[in-house]
């Protein structure tokens, strides 16, 4: 039994979610191989070889992989599955993984196992349903199990200490079904939301984009935190879409999550309740956010947050 993990990288280094996905693969058992499909991605392949528990790194090199287009990466994954006889193919449940995995599952004619948070056995997994209010145990009899892994469900393995071999594999021909045109990337000096150790989030109670910046930005600056927002705050235009935390936003599990003026709707809780320490600030003592908070402050955030910043 051998598992193939699809590495996420920027051609120079691995992304953190890869380490969580390897952790899930190790719980399945058997050998773990890591596929690095990229352009001038030798550094990423060497970094992959340092991951403890990985027995072999497969490095596919081609310019078609430079931007991680789903069509080309999926074709490479299918080629490796055909050549290697893998029992499991694991992707991180990120935007990239969710784009590629269904294509692979469809071509293999198997049912995808999505967003797993626990491994029971080689064919049985747990995944959240109903916005995380229930956990489903799912079992697959498919010969090849295509799985996406929710990173917050597994502690990442170490990034160093391993000694896997790196094997160059033939890159599949580019079918030309898609092409990279351009990317428009928002520059941000703050940590990436899904990788941040501390997150300060605001809800609809912030009242305006100006108040969002005036009240929460100083706290985030003091803590070295990323900024997040509830869906209500994003829908109201107080914060950009890429700050949204929740079932339809980003799933996070930082060391510290500070929720300011967030009521705690099910949709939002599904995205952050795995945080190690949750601090809630809300003037409504009956707000659902207090049910998951480790520390709660029933107070006006426009008074308490500036006071907290001053104390820090």
C-alpha atoms as a PDB file:
ATOM      1  CA  UNK A   1       0.000   0.000   0.000  1.00  0.00           C
ATOM      2  CA  UNK A   2       1.512   3.297  -1.145  1.00  0.00           C
ATOM      3  CA  UNK A   3       0.087   6.811  -0.892  1.00  0.00           C
ATOM      4  CA  UNK A   4       0.855   9.581  -3.351  1.00  0.00           C
ATOM      5  CA  UNK A   5       0.715  13.082  -1.871  1.00  0.00           C
ATOM      6  CA  UNK A   6       0.505  15.994  -4.291  1.00  0.00           C
ATOM      7  CA  UNK A   7       2.808  18.745  -3.062  1.00  0.00           C
ATOM      8  CA  UNK A   8       1.738  22.383  -3.113  1.00  0.00           C
ATOM      9  CA  UNK A   9       4.600  24.757  -3.809  1.00  0.00           C
ATOM     10  CA  UNK A  10       5.644  27.960  -5.521  1.00  0.00           C
ATOM     11  CA  UNK A  11       8.470  26.215  -7.421  1.00  0.00           C
ATOM     12  CA  UNK A  12      10.958  27.443  -4.826  1.00  0.00           C
ATOM     13  CA  UNK A  13       9.522  26.136  -1.563  1.00  0.00           C
ATOM     14  CA  UNK A  14       6.737  23.939  -0.250  1.00  0.00           C
ATOM     15  CA  UNK A  15       3.525  25.392   1.153  1.00  0.00           C
ATOM     16  CA  UNK A  16       2.597  24.566   4.721  1.00  0.00           C
ATOM     17  CA  UNK A  17      -0.517  22.558   3.846  1.00  0.00           C
ATOM     18  CA  UNK A  18       1.731  19.900   2.276  1.00  0.00           C
ATOM     19  CA  UNK A  19       3.093  19.030   5.723  1.00  0.00           C
ATOM     20  CA  UNK A  20      -0.433  18.531   7.093  1.00  0.00           C
ATOM     21  CA  UNK A  21      -1.317  16.333   4.118  1.00  0.00           C
ATOM     22  CA  UNK A  22       1.768  14.174   4.672  1.00  0.00           C
ATOM     23  CA  UNK A  23       0.687  13.786   8.309  1.00  0.00           C
ATOM     24  CA  UNK A  24      -2.635  12.359   7.106  1.00  0.00           C
ATOM     25  CA  UNK A  25      -0.836  10.057   4.666  1.00  0.00           C
ATOM     26  CA  UNK A  26       1.350   8.660   7.437  1.00  0.00           C
ATOM     27  CA  UNK A  27      -1.746   7.754   9.446  1.00  0.00           C
ATOM     28  CA  UNK A  28      -3.004   5.678   6.515  1.00  0.00           C
ATOM     29  CA  UNK A  29       0.137   3.556   6.678  1.00  0.00           C
ATOM     30  CA  UNK A  30       2.466   2.154   4.057  1.00  0.00           C
ATOM     31  CA  UNK A  31       4.943   4.105   1.971  1.00  0.00           C
ATOM     32  CA  UNK A  32       4.415   7.794   1.226  1.00  0.00           C
ATOM     33  CA  UNK A  33       5.534   9.310  -2.085  1.00  0.00           C
ATOM     34  CA  UNK A  34       5.401  13.019  -2.828  1.00  0.00           C
ATOM     35  CA  UNK A  35       4.826  14.429  -6.318  1.00  0.00           C
ATOM     36  CA  UNK A  36       6.395  17.802  -7.101  1.00  0.00           C
ATOM     37  CA  UNK A  37       5.208  18.961 -10.522  1.00  0.00           C
ATOM     38  CA  UNK A  38       6.705  22.333 -11.337  1.00  0.00           C
ATOM     39  CA  UNK A  39       8.984  24.503 -13.449  1.00  0.00           C
ATOM     40  CA  UNK A  40      12.540  24.968 -12.183  1.00  0.00           C
ATOM     41  CA  UNK A  41      11.252  23.392  -8.969  1.00  0.00           C
ATOM     42  CA  UNK A  42      14.401  21.581  -7.927  1.00  0.00           C
ATOM     43  CA  UNK A  43      14.531  23.483  -4.630  1.00  0.00           C
ATOM     44  CA  UNK A  44      10.973  22.451  -3.797  1.00  0.00           C
ATOM     45  CA  UNK A  45      11.787  18.820  -4.609  1.00  0.00           C
ATOM     46  CA  UNK A  46      14.843  18.904  -2.349  1.00  0.00           C
ATOM     47  CA  UNK A  47      12.745  20.430   0.444  1.00  0.00           C
ATOM     48  CA  UNK A  48      10.203  17.643  -0.036  1.00  0.00           C
ATOM     49  CA  UNK A  49      12.940  15.059   0.380  1.00  0.00           C
ATOM     50  CA  UNK A  50      13.650  16.442   3.855  1.00  0.00           C
ATOM     51  CA  UNK A  51      10.149  15.664   5.160  1.00  0.00           C
ATOM     52  CA  UNK A  52      10.264  12.780   7.669  1.00  0.00           C
ATOM     53  CA  UNK A  53       8.147   9.817   6.616  1.00  0.00           C
ATOM     54  CA  UNK A  54       8.346  10.509   2.887  1.00  0.00           C
ATOM     55  CA  UNK A  55      10.107   7.595   1.190  1.00  0.00           C
ATOM     56  CA  UNK A  56      10.356   8.951  -2.347  1.00  0.00           C
ATOM     57  CA  UNK A  57       9.937  12.293  -4.119  1.00  0.00           C
ATOM     58  CA  UNK A  58       8.801  12.265  -7.748  1.00  0.00           C
ATOM     59  CA  UNK A  59       9.925  15.400  -9.577  1.00  0.00           C
ATOM     60  CA  UNK A  60       8.163  16.249 -12.853  1.00  0.00           C
ATOM     61  CA  UNK A  61       9.752  19.241 -14.544  1.00  0.00           C
ATOM     62  CA  UNK A  62       8.072  21.213 -17.337  1.00  0.00           C
ATOM     63  CA  UNK A  63       7.190  24.805 -18.135  1.00  0.00           C
ATOM     64  CA  UNK A  64       3.522  23.769 -18.336  1.00  0.00           C
ATOM     65  CA  UNK A  65       3.571  23.239 -14.554  1.00  0.00           C
ATOM     66  CA  UNK A  66       4.873  26.735 -13.777  1.00  0.00           C
ATOM     67  CA  UNK A  67       1.514  28.070 -12.592  1.00  0.00           C
ATOM     68  CA  UNK A  68      -0.044  24.833 -11.321  1.00  0.00           C
ATOM     69  CA  UNK A  69      -2.874  24.725 -13.866  1.00  0.00           C
ATOM     70  CA  UNK A  70      -5.348  22.066 -12.810  1.00  0.00           C
ATOM     71  CA  UNK A  71      -5.590  20.400 -16.213  1.00  0.00           C
ATOM     72  CA  UNK A  72      -1.854  19.795 -16.583  1.00  0.00           C
ATOM     73  CA  UNK A  73      -1.209  18.791 -12.971  1.00  0.00           C
ATOM     74  CA  UNK A  74      -4.185  16.402 -13.016  1.00  0.00           C
ATOM     75  CA  UNK A  75      -2.791  14.734 -16.144  1.00  0.00           C
ATOM     76  CA  UNK A  76       0.562  14.253 -14.402  1.00  0.00           C
ATOM     77  CA  UNK A  77      -1.113  12.785 -11.321  1.00  0.00           C
ATOM     78  CA  UNK A  78      -3.041  10.327 -13.490  1.00  0.00           C
ATOM     79  CA  UNK A  79       0.180   9.298 -15.228  1.00  0.00           C
ATOM     80  CA  UNK A  80       1.845   8.604 -11.881  1.00  0.00           C
ATOM     81  CA  UNK A  81      -1.149   6.619 -10.604  1.00  0.00           C
ATOM     82  CA  UNK A  82      -1.098   4.501 -13.757  1.00  0.00           C
ATOM     83  CA  UNK A  83       2.642   3.893 -13.459  1.00  0.00           C
ATOM     84  CA  UNK A  84       2.939   3.478  -9.723  1.00  0.00           C
ATOM     85  CA  UNK A  85      -0.149   1.529  -8.681  1.00  0.00           C
ATOM     86  CA  UNK A  86      -1.003   3.860  -5.796  1.00  0.00           C
ATOM     87  CA  UNK A  87      -3.768   2.955  -3.363  1.00  0.00           C
ATOM     88  CA  UNK A  88      -4.371   6.539  -2.193  1.00  0.00           C
ATOM     89  CA  UNK A  89      -3.906   9.978  -3.760  1.00  0.00           C
ATOM     90  CA  UNK A  90      -3.986  12.848  -1.258  1.00  0.00           C
ATOM     91  CA  UNK A  91      -4.402  16.572  -1.891  1.00  0.00           C
ATOM     92  CA  UNK A  92      -4.605  19.446   0.570  1.00  0.00           C
ATOM     93  CA  UNK A  93      -8.162  20.826   0.725  1.00  0.00           C
ATOM     94  CA  UNK A  94      -7.004  24.203  -0.567  1.00  0.00           C
ATOM     95  CA  UNK A  95      -8.123  26.133  -3.628  1.00  0.00           C
ATOM     96  CA  UNK A  96      -5.518  24.280  -5.686  1.00  0.00           C
ATOM     97  CA  UNK A  97      -6.267  20.840  -4.268  1.00  0.00           C
ATOM     98  CA  UNK A  98     -10.011  21.286  -4.673  1.00  0.00           C
ATOM     99  CA  UNK A  99      -9.431  22.261  -8.287  1.00  0.00           C
ATOM    100  CA  UNK A 100      -7.283  19.268  -9.219  1.00  0.00           C
ATOM    101  CA  UNK A 101      -8.662  16.399  -7.102  1.00  0.00           C
ATOM    102  CA  UNK A 102     -12.149  16.183  -8.712  1.00  0.00           C
ATOM    103  CA  UNK A 103     -10.567  15.952 -12.155  1.00  0.00           C
ATOM    104  CA  UNK A 104      -8.418  13.047 -11.024  1.00  0.00           C
ATOM    105  CA  UNK A 105     -11.332  11.288  -9.306  1.00  0.00           C
ATOM    106  CA  UNK A 106     -13.569  11.682 -12.348  1.00  0.00           C
ATOM    107  CA  UNK A 107     -10.944  10.284 -14.729  1.00  0.00           C
ATOM    108  CA  UNK A 108     -10.358   7.329 -12.396  1.00  0.00           C
ATOM    109  CA  UNK A 109     -14.137   6.868 -12.049  1.00  0.00           C
ATOM    110  CA  UNK A 110     -13.986   6.843  -8.245  1.00  0.00           C
ATOM    111  CA  UNK A 111     -15.804   8.797  -5.531  1.00  0.00           C
ATOM    112  CA  UNK A 112     -13.756  11.585  -4.021  1.00  0.00           C
ATOM    113  CA  UNK A 113     -13.441  11.679  -0.219  1.00  0.00           C
ATOM    114  CA  UNK A 114     -13.493  15.385   0.595  1.00  0.00           C
ATOM    115  CA  UNK A 115     -12.171  17.441   3.481  1.00  0.00           C
ATOM    116  CA  UNK A 116     -11.203  14.601   5.820  1.00  0.00           C
ATOM    117  CA  UNK A 117     -10.232  15.507   9.377  1.00  0.00           C
ATOM    118  CA  UNK A 118      -9.291  12.058  10.707  1.00  0.00           C
ATOM    119  CA  UNK A 119      -8.059   8.687   9.452  1.00  0.00           C
ATOM    120  CA  UNK A 120      -9.781   5.691  11.031  1.00  0.00           C
ATOM    121  CA  UNK A 121      -8.206   3.082   8.780  1.00  0.00           C
ATOM    122  CA  UNK A 122      -6.880   2.785   5.247  1.00  0.00           C
ATOM    123  CA  UNK A 123     -10.404   2.856   3.823  1.00  0.00           C
ATOM    124  CA  UNK A 124     -12.329   4.761   6.490  1.00  0.00           C
ATOM    125  CA  UNK A 125     -12.179   8.463   7.275  1.00  0.00           C
ATOM    126  CA  UNK A 126     -14.005  11.208   9.156  1.00  0.00           C
ATOM    127  CA  UNK A 127     -15.199  14.447   7.576  1.00  0.00           C
ATOM    128  CA  UNK A 128     -17.353  17.324   8.883  1.00  0.00           C
ATOM    129  CA  UNK A 129     -20.865  17.855   7.539  1.00  0.00           C
ATOM    130  CA  UNK A 130     -23.616  20.411   8.266  1.00  0.00           C
ATOM    131  CA  UNK A 131     -21.066  23.209   8.725  1.00  0.00           C
ATOM    132  CA  UNK A 132     -19.099  21.118  11.183  1.00  0.00           C
ATOM    133  CA  UNK A 133     -22.049  20.365  13.461  1.00  0.00           C
ATOM    134  CA  UNK A 134     -21.801  16.647  12.726  1.00  0.00           C
ATOM    135  CA  UNK A 135     -18.967  14.320  11.781  1.00  0.00           C
ATOM    136  CA  UNK A 136     -19.577  11.690   9.119  1.00  0.00           C
ATOM    137  CA  UNK A 137     -17.597   8.455   9.012  1.00  0.00           C
ATOM    138  CA  UNK A 138     -17.141   7.441   5.382  1.00  0.00           C
ATOM    139  CA  UNK A 139     -15.746   4.223   3.947  1.00  0.00           C
ATOM    140  CA  UNK A 140     -14.564   3.646   0.404  1.00  0.00           C
ATOM    141  CA  UNK A 141     -14.200   0.384  -1.494  1.00  0.00           C
ATOM    142  CA  UNK A 142     -12.592   2.060  -4.525  1.00  0.00           C
ATOM    143  CA  UNK A 143      -9.284   0.620  -5.670  1.00  0.00           C
ATOM    144  CA  UNK A 144      -7.763   4.111  -5.672  1.00  0.00           C
ATOM    145  CA  UNK A 145      -8.937   6.523  -3.006  1.00  0.00           C
ATOM    146  CA  UNK A 146      -8.772  10.189  -3.983  1.00  0.00           C
ATOM    147  CA  UNK A 147      -8.808  12.273  -0.817  1.00  0.00           C
ATOM    148  CA  UNK A 148      -8.631  15.960   0.085  1.00  0.00           C
ATOM    149  CA  UNK A 149      -7.277  16.733   3.549  1.00  0.00           C
ATOM    150  CA  UNK A 150      -8.432  19.594   5.759  1.00  0.00           C
ATOM    151  CA  UNK A 151      -5.141  20.955   7.045  1.00  0.00           C
ATOM    152  CA  UNK A 152      -6.549  22.031  10.402  1.00  0.00           C
ATOM    153  CA  UNK A 153      -7.448  18.404  11.193  1.00  0.00           C
ATOM    154  CA  UNK A 154      -3.827  17.211  11.251  1.00  0.00           C
ATOM    155  CA  UNK A 155      -0.758  18.614  12.982  1.00  0.00           C
ATOM    156  CA  UNK A 156       1.969  19.223  10.388  1.00  0.00           C
ATOM    157  CA  UNK A 157       4.962  16.932  10.267  1.00  0.00           C
ATOM    158  CA  UNK A 158       8.434  18.416  10.586  1.00  0.00           C
ATOM    159  CA  UNK A 159       9.936  20.029   7.514  1.00  0.00           C
ATOM    160  CA  UNK A 160      13.407  18.593   8.149  1.00  0.00           C
ATOM    161  CA  UNK A 161      14.947  15.325   9.249  1.00  0.00           C
ATOM    162  CA  UNK A 162      13.968  13.072   6.358  1.00  0.00           C
ATOM    163  CA  UNK A 163      16.166  11.591   3.651  1.00  0.00           C
ATOM    164  CA  UNK A 164      13.930  10.548   0.776  1.00  0.00           C
ATOM    165  CA  UNK A 165      15.332   9.965  -2.680  1.00  0.00           C
ATOM    166  CA  UNK A 166      14.390  12.330  -5.510  1.00  0.00           C
ATOM    167  CA  UNK A 167      13.453  10.640  -8.768  1.00  0.00           C
ATOM    168  CA  UNK A 168      12.917  12.548 -12.001  1.00  0.00           C
ATOM    169  CA  UNK A 169       9.793  11.384 -13.831  1.00  0.00           C
ATOM    170  CA  UNK A 170       8.704  12.143 -17.361  1.00  0.00           C
ATOM    171  CA  UNK A 171       6.394  15.139 -17.617  1.00  0.00           C
ATOM    172  CA  UNK A 172       3.173  14.631 -19.548  1.00  0.00           C
ATOM    173  CA  UNK A 173       2.671  16.610 -22.717  1.00  0.00           C
ATOM    174  CA  UNK A 174       0.696  19.826 -22.347  1.00  0.00           C
ATOM    175  CA  UNK A 175      -2.716  19.194 -23.890  1.00  0.00           C
ATOM    176  CA  UNK A 176      -3.189  22.919 -24.366  1.00  0.00           C
ATOM    177  CA  UNK A 177      -6.691  22.879 -22.892  1.00  0.00           C
ATOM    178  CA  UNK A 178      -5.895  25.829 -20.656  1.00  0.00           C
ATOM    179  CA  UNK A 179      -3.319  28.593 -20.513  1.00  0.00           C
ATOM    180  CA  UNK A 180      -2.085  30.991 -17.862  1.00  0.00           C
ATOM    181  CA  UNK A 181      -2.910  34.591 -18.748  1.00  0.00           C
ATOM    182  CA  UNK A 182      -1.983  36.693 -15.724  1.00  0.00           C
ATOM    183  CA  UNK A 183      -2.343  36.921 -11.968  1.00  0.00           C
ATOM    184  CA  UNK A 184      -3.357  39.890  -9.890  1.00  0.00           C
ATOM    185  CA  UNK A 185      -2.018  39.368  -6.419  1.00  0.00           C
ATOM    186  CA  UNK A 186      -2.920  41.628  -3.510  1.00  0.00           C
ATOM    187  CA  UNK A 187       0.259  42.541  -1.654  1.00  0.00           C
ATOM    188  CA  UNK A 188       0.029  42.300   2.102  1.00  0.00           C
ATOM    189  CA  UNK A 189       2.700  42.718   4.746  1.00  0.00           C
ATOM    190  CA  UNK A 190       0.673  40.611   7.158  1.00  0.00           C
ATOM    191  CA  UNK A 191       0.888  36.813   7.485  1.00  0.00           C
ATOM    192  CA  UNK A 192      -1.231  34.763   5.082  1.00  0.00           C
ATOM    193  CA  UNK A 193      -4.580  34.103   6.748  1.00  0.00           C
ATOM    194  CA  UNK A 194      -4.493  30.287   6.544  1.00  0.00           C
ATOM    195  CA  UNK A 195      -0.899  30.137   7.822  1.00  0.00           C
ATOM    196  CA  UNK A 196      -1.067  32.839  10.521  1.00  0.00           C
ATOM    197  CA  UNK A 197      -0.436  31.916  14.155  1.00  0.00           C
ATOM    198  CA  UNK A 198      -2.582  34.823  15.369  1.00  0.00           C
ATOM    199  CA  UNK A 199      -5.728  36.164  13.709  1.00  0.00           C
ATOM    200  CA  UNK A 200      -7.810  39.197  14.664  1.00  0.00           C
ATOM    201  CA  UNK A 201     -11.289  39.072  13.091  1.00  0.00           C
ATOM    202  CA  UNK A 202     -14.119  41.544  12.958  1.00  0.00           C
ATOM    203  CA  UNK A 203     -17.834  41.155  12.359  1.00  0.00           C
ATOM    204  CA  UNK A 204     -20.750  43.245  11.198  1.00  0.00           C
ATOM    205  CA  UNK A 205     -20.690  45.102  14.514  1.00  0.00           C
ATOM    206  CA  UNK A 206     -17.632  47.000  13.263  1.00  0.00           C
ATOM    207  CA  UNK A 207     -20.106  49.224  11.402  1.00  0.00           C
ATOM    208  CA  UNK A 208     -17.882  50.502   8.578  1.00  0.00           C
ATOM    209  CA  UNK A 209     -14.592  49.885   6.785  1.00  0.00           C
ATOM    210  CA  UNK A 210     -13.159  52.927   8.540  1.00  0.00           C
ATOM    211  CA  UNK A 211     -13.984  51.533  11.985  1.00  0.00           C
ATOM    212  CA  UNK A 212     -12.627  48.144  10.935  1.00  0.00           C
ATOM    213  CA  UNK A 213      -9.267  49.751  10.169  1.00  0.00           C
ATOM    214  CA  UNK A 214      -9.332  52.193  13.049  1.00  0.00           C
ATOM    215  CA  UNK A 215     -10.081  49.613  15.752  1.00  0.00           C
ATOM    216  CA  UNK A 216      -8.709  46.269  14.572  1.00  0.00           C
ATOM    217  CA  UNK A 217      -5.587  47.206  12.622  1.00  0.00           C
ATOM    218  CA  UNK A 218      -3.737  48.586  15.700  1.00  0.00           C
ATOM    219  CA  UNK A 219      -4.492  45.359  17.601  1.00  0.00           C
ATOM    220  CA  UNK A 220      -3.317  43.217  14.695  1.00  0.00           C
ATOM    221  CA  UNK A 221      -0.154  45.336  14.456  1.00  0.00           C
ATOM    222  CA  UNK A 222       0.579  44.866  18.145  1.00  0.00           C
ATOM    223  CA  UNK A 223       0.104  41.088  17.931  1.00  0.00           C
ATOM    224  CA  UNK A 224       1.733  40.592  14.532  1.00  0.00           C
ATOM    225  CA  UNK A 225      -1.558  39.049  13.432  1.00  0.00           C
ATOM    226  CA  UNK A 226      -3.423  38.468  10.205  1.00  0.00           C
ATOM    227  CA  UNK A 227      -6.790  40.157   9.756  1.00  0.00           C
ATOM    228  CA  UNK A 228      -9.978  38.172   9.222  1.00  0.00           C
ATOM    229  CA  UNK A 229     -13.664  38.882   8.955  1.00  0.00           C
ATOM    230  CA  UNK A 230     -17.034  37.215   9.197  1.00  0.00           C
ATOM    231  CA  UNK A 231     -19.151  36.723   6.099  1.00  0.00           C
ATOM    232  CA  UNK A 232     -21.526  39.434   7.324  1.00  0.00           C
ATOM    233  CA  UNK A 233     -18.662  41.924   7.500  1.00  0.00           C
ATOM    234  CA  UNK A 234     -17.454  40.972   4.029  1.00  0.00           C
ATOM    235  CA  UNK A 235     -20.960  41.157   2.554  1.00  0.00           C
ATOM    236  CA  UNK A 236     -21.372  44.606   4.111  1.00  0.00           C
ATOM    237  CA  UNK A 237     -18.186  45.763   2.408  1.00  0.00           C
ATOM    238  CA  UNK A 238     -16.191  46.271   5.599  1.00  0.00           C
ATOM    239  CA  UNK A 239     -13.442  43.838   4.582  1.00  0.00           C
ATOM    240  CA  UNK A 240     -12.203  42.209   1.347  1.00  0.00           C
ATOM    241  CA  UNK A 241     -13.309  38.722   0.298  1.00  0.00           C
ATOM    242  CA  UNK A 242      -9.933  37.127   0.968  1.00  0.00           C
ATOM    243  CA  UNK A 243     -10.282  37.948   4.669  1.00  0.00           C
ATOM    244  CA  UNK A 244     -13.453  35.888   5.082  1.00  0.00           C
ATOM    245  CA  UNK A 245     -13.255  33.104   7.648  1.00  0.00           C
ATOM    246  CA  UNK A 246     -15.938  30.429   7.633  1.00  0.00           C
ATOM    247  CA  UNK A 247     -17.522  27.582   5.752  1.00  0.00           C
ATOM    248  CA  UNK A 248     -17.639  29.583   2.512  1.00  0.00           C
ATOM    249  CA  UNK A 249     -14.394  31.390   3.294  1.00  0.00           C
ATOM    250  CA  UNK A 250     -11.124  30.121   4.713  1.00  0.00           C
ATOM    251  CA  UNK A 251     -10.704  27.395   7.324  1.00  0.00           C
ATOM    252  CA  UNK A 252      -8.172  28.472   9.936  1.00  0.00           C
ATOM    253  CA  UNK A 253      -6.710  27.058  13.129  1.00  0.00           C
ATOM    254  CA  UNK A 254      -4.249  29.597  14.559  1.00  0.00           C
ATOM    255  CA  UNK A 255      -2.707  29.521  18.007  1.00  0.00           C
ATOM    256  CA  UNK A 256      -4.828  32.563  18.934  1.00  0.00           C
ATOM    257  CA  UNK A 257      -8.077  33.761  17.353  1.00  0.00           C
ATOM    258  CA  UNK A 258      -9.523  37.072  18.541  1.00  0.00           C
ATOM    259  CA  UNK A 259     -13.159  37.560  17.459  1.00  0.00           C
ATOM    260  CA  UNK A 260     -14.355  41.149  17.780  1.00  0.00           C
ATOM    261  CA  UNK A 261     -18.027  41.904  17.291  1.00  0.00           C
ATOM    262  CA  UNK A 262     -18.683  38.464  15.776  1.00  0.00           C
ATOM    263  CA  UNK A 263     -21.909  36.805  16.917  1.00  0.00           C
ATOM    264  CA  UNK A 264     -20.753  33.291  16.082  1.00  0.00           C
ATOM    265  CA  UNK A 265     -23.035  32.063  13.307  1.00  0.00           C
ATOM    266  CA  UNK A 266     -22.638  28.394  12.430  1.00  0.00           C
ATOM    267  CA  UNK A 267     -21.026  29.301   9.124  1.00  0.00           C
ATOM    268  CA  UNK A 268     -18.277  31.286  10.861  1.00  0.00           C
ATOM    269  CA  UNK A 269     -17.695  28.784  13.663  1.00  0.00           C
ATOM    270  CA  UNK A 270     -17.104  26.055  11.075  1.00  0.00           C
ATOM    271  CA  UNK A 271     -14.079  27.981   9.869  1.00  0.00           C
ATOM    272  CA  UNK A 272     -12.316  28.784  13.149  1.00  0.00           C
ATOM    273  CA  UNK A 273     -13.482  26.570  16.003  1.00  0.00           C
ATOM    274  CA  UNK A 274     -10.315  24.437  15.780  1.00  0.00           C
ATOM    275  CA  UNK A 275      -8.213  27.430  16.870  1.00  0.00           C
ATOM    276  CA  UNK A 276      -6.069  26.602  19.894  1.00  0.00           C
ATOM    277  CA  UNK A 277      -7.217  29.629  21.958  1.00  0.00           C
ATOM    278  CA  UNK A 278     -10.321  31.667  21.100  1.00  0.00           C
ATOM    279  CA  UNK A 279     -10.941  35.102  22.594  1.00  0.00           C
ATOM    280  CA  UNK A 280     -14.366  36.673  22.003  1.00  0.00           C
ATOM    281  CA  UNK A 281     -15.243  40.335  22.551  1.00  0.00           C
ATOM    282  CA  UNK A 282     -18.941  41.091  22.193  1.00  0.00           C
ATOM    283  CA  UNK A 283     -21.425  43.236  24.111  1.00  0.00           C
ATOM    284  CA  UNK A 284     -24.141  40.578  23.677  1.00  0.00           C
ATOM    285  CA  UNK A 285     -23.631  38.076  26.467  1.00  0.00           C
ATOM    286  CA  UNK A 286     -25.871  35.567  24.688  1.00  0.00           C
ATOM    287  CA  UNK A 287     -23.845  35.556  21.461  1.00  0.00           C
ATOM    288  CA  UNK A 288     -23.074  31.983  20.297  1.00  0.00           C
ATOM    289  CA  UNK A 289     -19.382  32.857  19.926  1.00  0.00           C
ATOM    290  CA  UNK A 290     -19.041  32.624  23.699  1.00  0.00           C
ATOM    291  CA  UNK A 291     -19.953  28.912  23.564  1.00  0.00           C
ATOM    292  CA  UNK A 292     -16.679  28.101  21.786  1.00  0.00           C
ATOM    293  CA  UNK A 293     -14.500  30.829  23.314  1.00  0.00           C
ATOM    294  CA  UNK A 294     -11.793  30.019  25.835  1.00  0.00           C
ATOM    295  CA  UNK A 295     -11.925  33.617  27.053  1.00  0.00           C
ATOM    296  CA  UNK A 296     -14.904  35.937  26.675  1.00  0.00           C
ATOM    297  CA  UNK A 297     -15.247  39.646  27.318  1.00  0.00           C
ATOM    298  CA  UNK A 298     -18.800  41.006  27.401  1.00  0.00           C
ATOM    299  CA  UNK A 299     -18.049  44.612  26.536  1.00  0.00           C
ATOM    300  CA  UNK A 300     -18.261  47.294  23.873  1.00  0.00           C
ATOM    301  CA  UNK A 301     -15.449  46.480  21.437  1.00  0.00           C
ATOM    302  CA  UNK A 302     -14.997  50.156  20.549  1.00  0.00           C
ATOM    303  CA  UNK A 303     -13.933  50.733  24.161  1.00  0.00           C
ATOM    304  CA  UNK A 304     -12.284  47.453  25.091  1.00  0.00           C
ATOM    305  CA  UNK A 305     -10.149  46.882  21.983  1.00  0.00           C
ATOM    306  CA  UNK A 306      -8.411  50.313  22.135  1.00  0.00           C
ATOM    307  CA  UNK A 307      -7.873  49.709  25.859  1.00  0.00           C
ATOM    308  CA  UNK A 308      -6.328  46.339  25.051  1.00  0.00           C
ATOM    309  CA  UNK A 309      -4.059  47.943  22.454  1.00  0.00           C
ATOM    310  CA  UNK A 310      -2.977  50.559  24.991  1.00  0.00           C
ATOM    311  CA  UNK A 311      -2.205  47.845  27.545  1.00  0.00           C
ATOM    312  CA  UNK A 312      -0.115  45.935  25.024  1.00  0.00           C
END
